[in-house]
N, C-alpha and C. Protein backbone atom coordinates (compact mmCIF):
# COMPACT_ATOMS: atom_id res chain seq x y z
N MET A 1 124.72 58.69 78.11
CA MET A 1 124.35 59.27 79.34
C MET A 1 124.98 60.69 79.54
N LYS A 2 126.32 60.70 79.26
CA LYS A 2 127.00 62.00 79.41
C LYS A 2 126.41 63.14 78.51
N ALA A 3 125.99 62.74 77.36
CA ALA A 3 125.40 63.76 76.42
C ALA A 3 124.03 64.19 77.01
N ILE A 4 123.30 63.41 77.62
CA ILE A 4 122.02 63.79 78.26
C ILE A 4 122.22 64.73 79.34
N LEU A 5 123.23 64.47 80.21
CA LEU A 5 123.59 65.28 81.43
C LEU A 5 124.04 66.68 80.82
N GLN A 6 124.87 66.63 79.78
CA GLN A 6 125.35 68.00 79.17
C GLN A 6 124.24 68.77 78.65
N HIS A 7 123.28 68.07 78.01
CA HIS A 7 122.04 68.77 77.57
C HIS A 7 121.27 69.43 78.55
N LEU A 8 121.00 68.55 79.69
CA LEU A 8 120.18 69.06 80.77
C LEU A 8 120.93 70.24 81.44
N ASP A 9 122.23 70.19 81.61
CA ASP A 9 123.07 71.31 82.09
C ASP A 9 122.87 72.50 81.29
N LYS A 10 123.01 72.49 80.02
CA LYS A 10 122.83 73.60 79.11
C LYS A 10 121.43 74.18 79.29
N MET A 11 120.43 73.25 79.30
CA MET A 11 119.01 73.85 79.52
C MET A 11 118.82 74.56 80.88
N GLY A 12 119.44 74.01 81.90
CA GLY A 12 119.42 74.62 83.23
C GLY A 12 120.00 76.02 83.25
N LYS A 13 121.20 76.07 82.54
CA LYS A 13 121.87 77.49 82.52
C LYS A 13 120.98 78.41 81.79
N LYS A 14 120.35 78.05 80.69
CA LYS A 14 119.45 78.92 80.01
C LYS A 14 118.25 79.26 80.77
N LEU A 15 117.75 78.34 81.46
CA LEU A 15 116.54 78.70 82.36
C LEU A 15 116.94 79.61 83.47
N ASN A 16 118.06 79.30 84.01
CA ASN A 16 118.60 80.18 85.17
C ASN A 16 118.85 81.57 84.61
N SER A 17 119.37 81.78 83.42
CA SER A 17 119.67 83.01 82.86
C SER A 17 118.39 83.75 82.61
N GLY A 18 117.37 83.06 82.03
CA GLY A 18 116.09 83.72 81.70
C GLY A 18 115.33 84.16 83.01
N ALA A 19 115.45 83.32 84.04
CA ALA A 19 114.77 83.57 85.40
C ALA A 19 115.51 84.83 86.00
N THR A 20 116.84 84.82 85.90
CA THR A 20 117.52 85.96 86.51
C THR A 20 117.11 87.26 85.75
N SER A 21 117.05 87.29 84.42
CA SER A 21 116.61 88.47 83.69
C SER A 21 115.23 88.86 84.11
N ALA A 22 114.27 87.95 84.10
CA ALA A 22 112.94 88.20 84.47
C ALA A 22 112.82 88.79 85.87
N ILE A 23 113.43 88.22 86.89
CA ILE A 23 113.34 88.65 88.19
C ILE A 23 113.99 90.05 88.26
N SER A 24 115.12 90.25 87.64
CA SER A 24 115.80 91.56 87.69
C SER A 24 114.95 92.71 87.11
N LEU A 25 114.26 92.45 86.03
CA LEU A 25 113.37 93.40 85.41
C LEU A 25 112.24 93.69 86.26
N GLY A 26 111.53 92.65 86.81
CA GLY A 26 110.47 92.72 87.75
C GLY A 26 110.73 93.59 88.90
N LYS A 27 111.95 93.44 89.43
CA LYS A 27 112.27 94.29 90.63
C LYS A 27 112.49 95.68 90.27
N LYS A 28 113.06 95.96 89.10
CA LYS A 28 113.25 97.32 88.66
C LYS A 28 111.96 97.95 88.52
N VAL A 29 111.03 97.32 87.89
CA VAL A 29 109.68 97.88 87.58
C VAL A 29 108.97 98.18 88.92
N ALA A 30 108.89 97.11 89.73
CA ALA A 30 108.26 97.27 91.13
C ALA A 30 108.91 98.39 91.89
N HIS A 31 110.29 98.46 91.83
CA HIS A 31 110.95 99.54 92.60
C HIS A 31 110.43 100.99 92.09
N HIS A 32 110.43 101.09 90.80
CA HIS A 32 110.13 102.40 90.26
C HIS A 32 108.70 102.76 90.68
N ILE A 33 107.81 101.86 90.51
CA ILE A 33 106.31 102.10 90.81
C ILE A 33 106.24 102.54 92.34
N HIS A 34 106.95 101.70 93.23
CA HIS A 34 106.75 101.86 94.66
C HIS A 34 107.43 103.29 94.96
N HIS A 35 108.55 103.53 94.33
CA HIS A 35 109.27 104.84 94.65
C HIS A 35 108.47 106.05 94.21
N TYR A 36 107.93 106.01 93.09
CA TYR A 36 107.22 107.18 92.57
C TYR A 36 105.79 107.28 93.23
N GLY A 37 105.25 106.14 93.64
CA GLY A 37 103.97 106.13 94.38
C GLY A 37 104.13 106.80 95.73
N LYS A 38 105.27 106.45 96.43
CA LYS A 38 105.53 107.19 97.71
C LYS A 38 105.74 108.65 97.51
N LYS A 39 106.35 109.14 96.48
CA LYS A 39 106.52 110.53 96.21
C LYS A 39 105.21 111.19 96.07
N VAL A 40 104.27 110.60 95.28
CA VAL A 40 102.99 111.12 94.95
C VAL A 40 102.19 111.23 96.19
N LEU A 41 102.24 110.23 97.15
CA LEU A 41 101.53 110.32 98.31
C LEU A 41 102.12 111.37 99.26
N ALA A 42 103.43 111.55 99.31
CA ALA A 42 104.04 112.55 100.11
C ALA A 42 103.56 113.98 99.71
N VAL A 43 103.50 114.24 98.53
CA VAL A 43 103.09 115.52 97.99
C VAL A 43 101.51 115.68 98.06
N ALA A 44 100.78 114.70 98.00
CA ALA A 44 99.41 114.71 98.00
C ALA A 44 98.77 115.24 99.23
N ASP A 45 99.39 115.06 100.40
CA ASP A 45 98.85 115.68 101.64
C ASP A 45 98.78 117.18 101.61
N VAL A 46 99.89 117.74 101.11
CA VAL A 46 99.91 119.21 100.98
C VAL A 46 98.95 119.68 99.72
N ALA A 47 98.94 118.97 98.68
CA ALA A 47 98.11 119.38 97.48
C ALA A 47 96.69 119.23 97.77
N LYS A 48 96.31 118.28 98.63
CA LYS A 48 94.91 118.12 98.90
C LYS A 48 94.10 119.22 99.48
N GLU A 49 94.79 120.13 100.08
CA GLU A 49 94.29 121.27 100.74
C GLU A 49 93.85 122.40 99.70
N PHE A 50 94.34 122.27 98.43
CA PHE A 50 94.00 123.14 97.39
C PHE A 50 93.03 122.67 96.46
N VAL A 51 92.53 121.43 96.71
CA VAL A 51 91.52 120.87 95.85
C VAL A 51 90.17 121.49 96.32
N PRO A 52 89.28 121.85 95.24
CA PRO A 52 88.02 122.38 95.64
C PRO A 52 87.13 121.27 96.28
N GLU A 53 86.25 121.80 97.19
CA GLU A 53 85.45 120.96 97.95
C GLU A 53 84.77 119.83 97.18
N LYS A 54 84.18 120.22 95.97
CA LYS A 54 83.31 119.26 95.25
C LYS A 54 84.11 118.12 94.68
N TYR A 55 85.45 118.37 94.54
CA TYR A 55 86.41 117.26 93.92
C TYR A 55 87.21 116.51 94.93
N LYS A 56 86.94 116.80 96.29
CA LYS A 56 87.68 116.10 97.32
C LYS A 56 87.42 114.60 97.33
N ASP A 57 86.21 114.24 97.09
CA ASP A 57 86.02 112.66 97.11
C ASP A 57 86.75 112.04 95.96
N ARG A 58 86.67 112.61 94.86
CA ARG A 58 87.55 112.02 93.64
C ARG A 58 88.96 112.06 93.97
N ALA A 59 89.46 113.08 94.66
CA ALA A 59 90.89 113.08 94.94
C ALA A 59 91.19 112.04 95.96
N ASP A 60 90.29 111.80 96.94
CA ASP A 60 90.53 110.77 97.96
C ASP A 60 90.54 109.38 97.22
N LYS A 61 89.63 109.12 96.33
CA LYS A 61 89.65 107.91 95.61
C LYS A 61 90.87 107.74 94.79
N ALA A 62 91.36 108.72 94.18
CA ALA A 62 92.57 108.68 93.35
C ALA A 62 93.72 108.34 94.27
N LEU A 63 93.85 109.01 95.40
CA LEU A 63 94.90 108.69 96.41
C LEU A 63 94.83 107.36 97.01
N ALA A 64 93.71 106.89 97.22
CA ALA A 64 93.52 105.44 97.65
C ALA A 64 94.08 104.53 96.64
N THR A 65 93.77 104.80 95.33
CA THR A 65 94.26 104.03 94.28
C THR A 65 95.77 103.93 94.22
N VAL A 66 96.43 105.13 94.36
CA VAL A 66 97.81 105.12 94.33
C VAL A 66 98.39 104.48 95.61
N GLN A 67 97.68 104.57 96.75
CA GLN A 67 98.15 103.85 97.90
C GLN A 67 98.15 102.32 97.68
N ASN A 68 97.03 101.78 97.03
CA ASN A 68 96.94 100.35 96.88
C ASN A 68 98.07 99.92 95.83
N ILE A 69 98.32 100.72 94.81
CA ILE A 69 99.22 100.27 93.83
C ILE A 69 100.70 100.31 94.44
N THR A 70 100.94 101.35 95.20
CA THR A 70 102.19 101.44 95.85
C THR A 70 102.41 100.14 96.84
N ASP A 71 101.42 99.86 97.71
CA ASP A 71 101.53 98.74 98.41
C ASP A 71 101.69 97.48 97.66
N ALA A 72 100.98 97.25 96.63
CA ALA A 72 101.11 96.06 95.75
C ALA A 72 102.52 95.97 95.27
N ALA A 73 103.09 97.05 94.72
CA ALA A 73 104.50 97.06 94.22
C ALA A 73 105.44 96.79 95.20
N GLY A 74 105.37 97.34 96.46
CA GLY A 74 106.20 96.88 97.53
C GLY A 74 106.19 95.39 97.78
N LYS A 75 104.97 94.79 97.86
CA LYS A 75 104.87 93.40 98.09
C LYS A 75 105.39 92.60 96.93
N THR A 76 105.20 93.00 95.65
CA THR A 76 105.72 92.34 94.52
C THR A 76 107.30 92.38 94.56
N LYS A 77 107.94 93.46 95.00
CA LYS A 77 109.36 93.61 95.04
C LYS A 77 109.77 92.55 96.05
N ALA A 78 109.18 92.46 97.22
CA ALA A 78 109.65 91.51 98.25
C ALA A 78 109.47 90.05 97.80
N GLY A 79 108.31 89.74 97.10
CA GLY A 79 108.09 88.38 96.58
C GLY A 79 109.24 88.10 95.49
N LEU A 80 109.60 89.04 94.61
CA LEU A 80 110.63 88.70 93.68
C LEU A 80 111.96 88.57 94.35
N GLY A 81 112.22 89.23 95.46
CA GLY A 81 113.43 89.01 96.24
C GLY A 81 113.50 87.60 96.73
N ARG A 82 112.30 87.02 97.28
CA ARG A 82 112.29 85.68 97.81
C ARG A 82 112.56 84.67 96.58
N ALA A 83 111.95 85.01 95.44
CA ALA A 83 112.11 84.09 94.29
C ALA A 83 113.50 84.17 93.76
N ASP A 84 114.16 85.23 93.87
CA ASP A 84 115.58 85.37 93.46
C ASP A 84 116.42 84.55 94.49
N ASN A 85 116.12 84.51 95.72
CA ASN A 85 116.85 83.73 96.72
C ASN A 85 116.73 82.20 96.40
N VAL A 86 115.42 81.80 96.14
CA VAL A 86 115.18 80.46 95.78
C VAL A 86 115.99 80.07 94.42
N ARG A 87 115.97 80.89 93.47
CA ARG A 87 116.64 80.71 92.17
C ARG A 87 118.24 80.54 92.44
N GLN A 88 118.75 81.46 93.31
CA GLN A 88 120.15 81.22 93.59
C GLN A 88 120.54 79.91 94.28
N GLY A 89 119.54 79.60 95.22
CA GLY A 89 119.80 78.28 95.87
C GLY A 89 119.83 77.09 94.94
N LEU A 90 118.78 77.10 94.04
CA LEU A 90 118.74 75.99 93.03
C LEU A 90 119.91 75.99 92.06
N ALA A 91 120.40 77.08 91.74
CA ALA A 91 121.60 77.12 90.90
C ALA A 91 122.75 76.60 91.58
N ALA A 92 122.95 77.02 92.89
CA ALA A 92 123.97 76.51 93.69
C ALA A 92 123.97 74.91 93.84
N ALA A 93 122.76 74.44 94.03
CA ALA A 93 122.60 72.87 94.21
C ALA A 93 122.88 72.23 92.94
N ALA A 94 122.45 72.88 91.82
CA ALA A 94 122.66 72.24 90.52
C ALA A 94 124.24 72.19 90.20
N GLN A 95 124.95 73.21 90.67
CA GLN A 95 126.32 73.31 90.48
C GLN A 95 127.07 72.15 91.33
N SER A 96 126.64 72.01 92.52
CA SER A 96 127.31 71.08 93.43
C SER A 96 126.89 69.63 93.17
N ARG A 97 125.80 69.46 92.44
CA ARG A 97 125.47 68.08 92.08
C ARG A 97 124.99 67.35 93.37
N ASP A 98 124.51 68.00 94.30
CA ASP A 98 124.08 67.47 95.51
C ASP A 98 122.58 67.02 95.39
N LEU A 99 122.35 65.80 95.36
CA LEU A 99 120.97 65.27 95.11
C LEU A 99 120.01 65.60 96.17
N MET A 100 120.29 65.41 97.38
CA MET A 100 119.42 65.65 98.51
C MET A 100 119.26 67.21 98.62
N GLY A 101 120.31 67.95 98.53
CA GLY A 101 120.10 69.40 98.62
C GLY A 101 119.28 69.97 97.48
N GLY A 102 119.50 69.41 96.35
CA GLY A 102 118.68 69.90 95.18
C GLY A 102 117.19 69.52 95.29
N ALA A 103 116.98 68.34 95.93
CA ALA A 103 115.55 67.91 96.18
C ALA A 103 114.87 68.75 97.19
N LYS A 104 115.57 69.18 98.25
CA LYS A 104 115.13 70.13 99.30
C LYS A 104 114.81 71.44 98.71
N LEU A 105 115.73 71.86 97.93
CA LEU A 105 115.52 73.18 97.23
C LEU A 105 114.34 73.23 96.29
N ALA A 106 114.28 72.17 95.60
CA ALA A 106 113.16 72.07 94.60
C ALA A 106 111.83 72.05 95.42
N ARG A 107 111.84 71.35 96.54
CA ARG A 107 110.64 71.39 97.39
C ARG A 107 110.33 72.78 97.79
N ASP A 108 111.35 73.41 98.32
CA ASP A 108 111.12 74.87 98.81
C ASP A 108 110.68 75.77 97.73
N ALA A 109 111.19 75.64 96.49
CA ALA A 109 110.87 76.39 95.40
C ALA A 109 109.43 76.15 94.98
N TYR A 110 108.96 74.94 95.04
CA TYR A 110 107.62 74.57 94.62
C TYR A 110 106.64 75.19 95.60
N TYR A 111 106.83 75.15 96.99
CA TYR A 111 105.96 75.81 97.90
C TYR A 111 106.05 77.26 97.81
N GLU A 112 107.16 77.97 97.59
CA GLU A 112 107.33 79.30 97.54
C GLU A 112 106.47 79.78 96.28
N THR A 113 106.66 79.07 95.10
CA THR A 113 105.87 79.39 93.82
C THR A 113 104.36 79.28 94.06
N LYS A 114 104.06 78.26 94.78
CA LYS A 114 102.59 77.95 95.03
C LYS A 114 102.02 79.19 95.91
N LYS A 115 102.83 79.53 96.94
CA LYS A 115 102.28 80.63 97.71
C LYS A 115 102.28 81.97 96.93
N GLY A 116 103.25 82.18 96.08
CA GLY A 116 103.27 83.34 95.29
C GLY A 116 102.07 83.42 94.32
N LEU A 117 101.75 82.39 93.76
CA LEU A 117 100.59 82.26 92.75
C LEU A 117 99.32 82.44 93.53
N LYS A 118 99.16 81.93 94.67
CA LYS A 118 97.98 82.19 95.55
C LYS A 118 97.82 83.59 95.83
N ASN A 119 98.93 84.24 96.19
CA ASN A 119 98.76 85.72 96.54
C ASN A 119 98.44 86.50 95.31
N THR A 120 99.02 86.13 94.27
CA THR A 120 98.66 86.88 92.88
C THR A 120 97.31 86.69 92.53
N ARG A 121 96.87 85.47 92.70
CA ARG A 121 95.40 85.27 92.28
C ARG A 121 94.43 86.10 93.25
N GLU A 122 94.79 86.20 94.54
CA GLU A 122 93.93 86.95 95.40
C GLU A 122 93.95 88.42 94.98
N VAL A 123 95.06 88.92 94.62
CA VAL A 123 95.09 90.35 94.16
C VAL A 123 94.33 90.50 92.92
N LEU A 124 94.53 89.63 91.98
CA LEU A 124 93.79 89.85 90.74
C LEU A 124 92.33 89.51 90.81
N SER A 125 91.92 88.73 91.77
CA SER A 125 90.46 88.38 91.86
C SER A 125 89.65 89.52 92.47
N ARG A 126 90.23 90.53 93.21
CA ARG A 126 89.48 91.59 93.79
C ARG A 126 88.73 92.35 92.72
N GLY A 127 89.39 92.63 91.57
CA GLY A 127 88.65 93.29 90.53
C GLY A 127 88.44 94.78 90.91
N PRO A 128 88.05 95.52 89.95
CA PRO A 128 87.81 97.01 90.10
C PRO A 128 86.45 97.22 90.78
N SER A 129 86.46 98.28 91.52
CA SER A 129 85.25 98.75 92.23
C SER A 129 84.79 100.05 91.70
N ALA A 130 83.71 100.58 92.10
CA ALA A 130 83.27 101.87 91.58
C ALA A 130 84.22 102.98 91.80
N GLY A 131 84.26 103.97 90.91
CA GLY A 131 85.17 105.10 91.06
C GLY A 131 86.48 104.76 90.36
N LEU A 132 87.42 105.43 90.85
CA LEU A 132 88.81 105.32 90.26
C LEU A 132 89.62 104.16 90.85
N SER A 133 89.14 103.63 91.96
CA SER A 133 89.96 102.61 92.65
C SER A 133 89.98 101.34 91.91
N THR A 134 91.14 100.62 91.92
CA THR A 134 91.26 99.38 91.24
C THR A 134 91.09 98.16 92.06
N THR A 135 91.02 98.29 93.29
CA THR A 135 90.84 97.18 94.28
C THR A 135 89.65 97.40 95.06
N GLY A 136 89.19 96.16 95.64
CA GLY A 136 88.03 96.14 96.51
C GLY A 136 88.24 96.93 97.75
N LYS A 137 87.28 96.97 98.53
CA LYS A 137 87.31 97.73 99.91
C LYS A 137 87.94 96.86 101.00
N VAL A 138 88.38 95.61 100.71
CA VAL A 138 88.91 94.81 101.67
C VAL A 138 90.45 95.30 102.07
N THR A 139 90.57 95.47 103.40
CA THR A 139 91.91 95.90 103.77
C THR A 139 92.71 94.58 104.15
N GLN A 140 93.94 94.66 104.02
CA GLN A 140 94.77 93.52 104.33
C GLN A 140 95.01 93.40 105.85
N ALA A 141 95.06 92.13 106.32
CA ALA A 141 95.17 91.88 107.76
C ALA A 141 96.53 92.45 108.19
N GLY A 142 96.55 92.97 109.42
CA GLY A 142 97.82 93.47 109.90
C GLY A 142 98.16 94.87 109.39
N ARG A 143 97.37 95.50 108.66
CA ARG A 143 97.67 96.90 108.06
C ARG A 143 96.50 97.72 108.68
N SER A 144 96.84 98.90 109.25
CA SER A 144 95.73 99.67 109.69
C SER A 144 95.21 100.50 108.51
N LYS A 145 94.00 100.86 108.66
CA LYS A 145 93.30 101.62 107.58
C LYS A 145 93.99 103.11 107.48
N THR A 146 93.99 103.52 106.28
CA THR A 146 94.50 104.95 106.07
C THR A 146 93.41 105.93 106.32
N SER A 147 93.61 107.19 106.42
CA SER A 147 92.57 108.07 106.70
C SER A 147 91.62 108.18 105.62
N ILE A 148 91.98 107.92 104.37
CA ILE A 148 91.01 107.85 103.26
C ILE A 148 90.15 106.63 103.36
N GLU A 149 90.61 105.52 103.74
CA GLU A 149 89.71 104.32 104.02
C GLU A 149 88.85 104.48 105.19
N ARG A 150 89.24 105.15 106.17
CA ARG A 150 88.38 105.39 107.37
C ARG A 150 87.17 106.24 107.01
N GLN A 151 87.37 107.13 106.00
CA GLN A 151 86.38 108.15 105.63
C GLN A 151 85.19 107.43 104.86
N ARG A 152 85.40 106.29 104.28
CA ARG A 152 84.40 105.63 103.44
C ARG A 152 83.34 105.05 104.33
């Protein structure tokens, strides 16, 4: 019995280490995408004035794409932060050997993972639309339309 518990403990440490690395890398990537997307959007307002009239619609579509990608990266970063909090809680419960606390954290992790998968499926199911945009024309609830979206 002791050997089984030691084996499970070793597997748990490896899984925790792998999850930590994956979450850390995901946060870094999402942060860079979000950071540079915001910089592009900040410069785009000024640069848009110099775009010839016949290319303005393409520029608007490209900026809408950058806006969507930047928003998705910000939400991904927030989701990874929640996943990291759940992972830390599970690691703490595993170290304390608290059965009820571990069961509650496992339940919370299950529902957080389920919610995260649902959100990911929704984003992926939108698919590409015409032009340069990579998302559909559906706006997210609670977010006002950008000037580019209002022009469509």
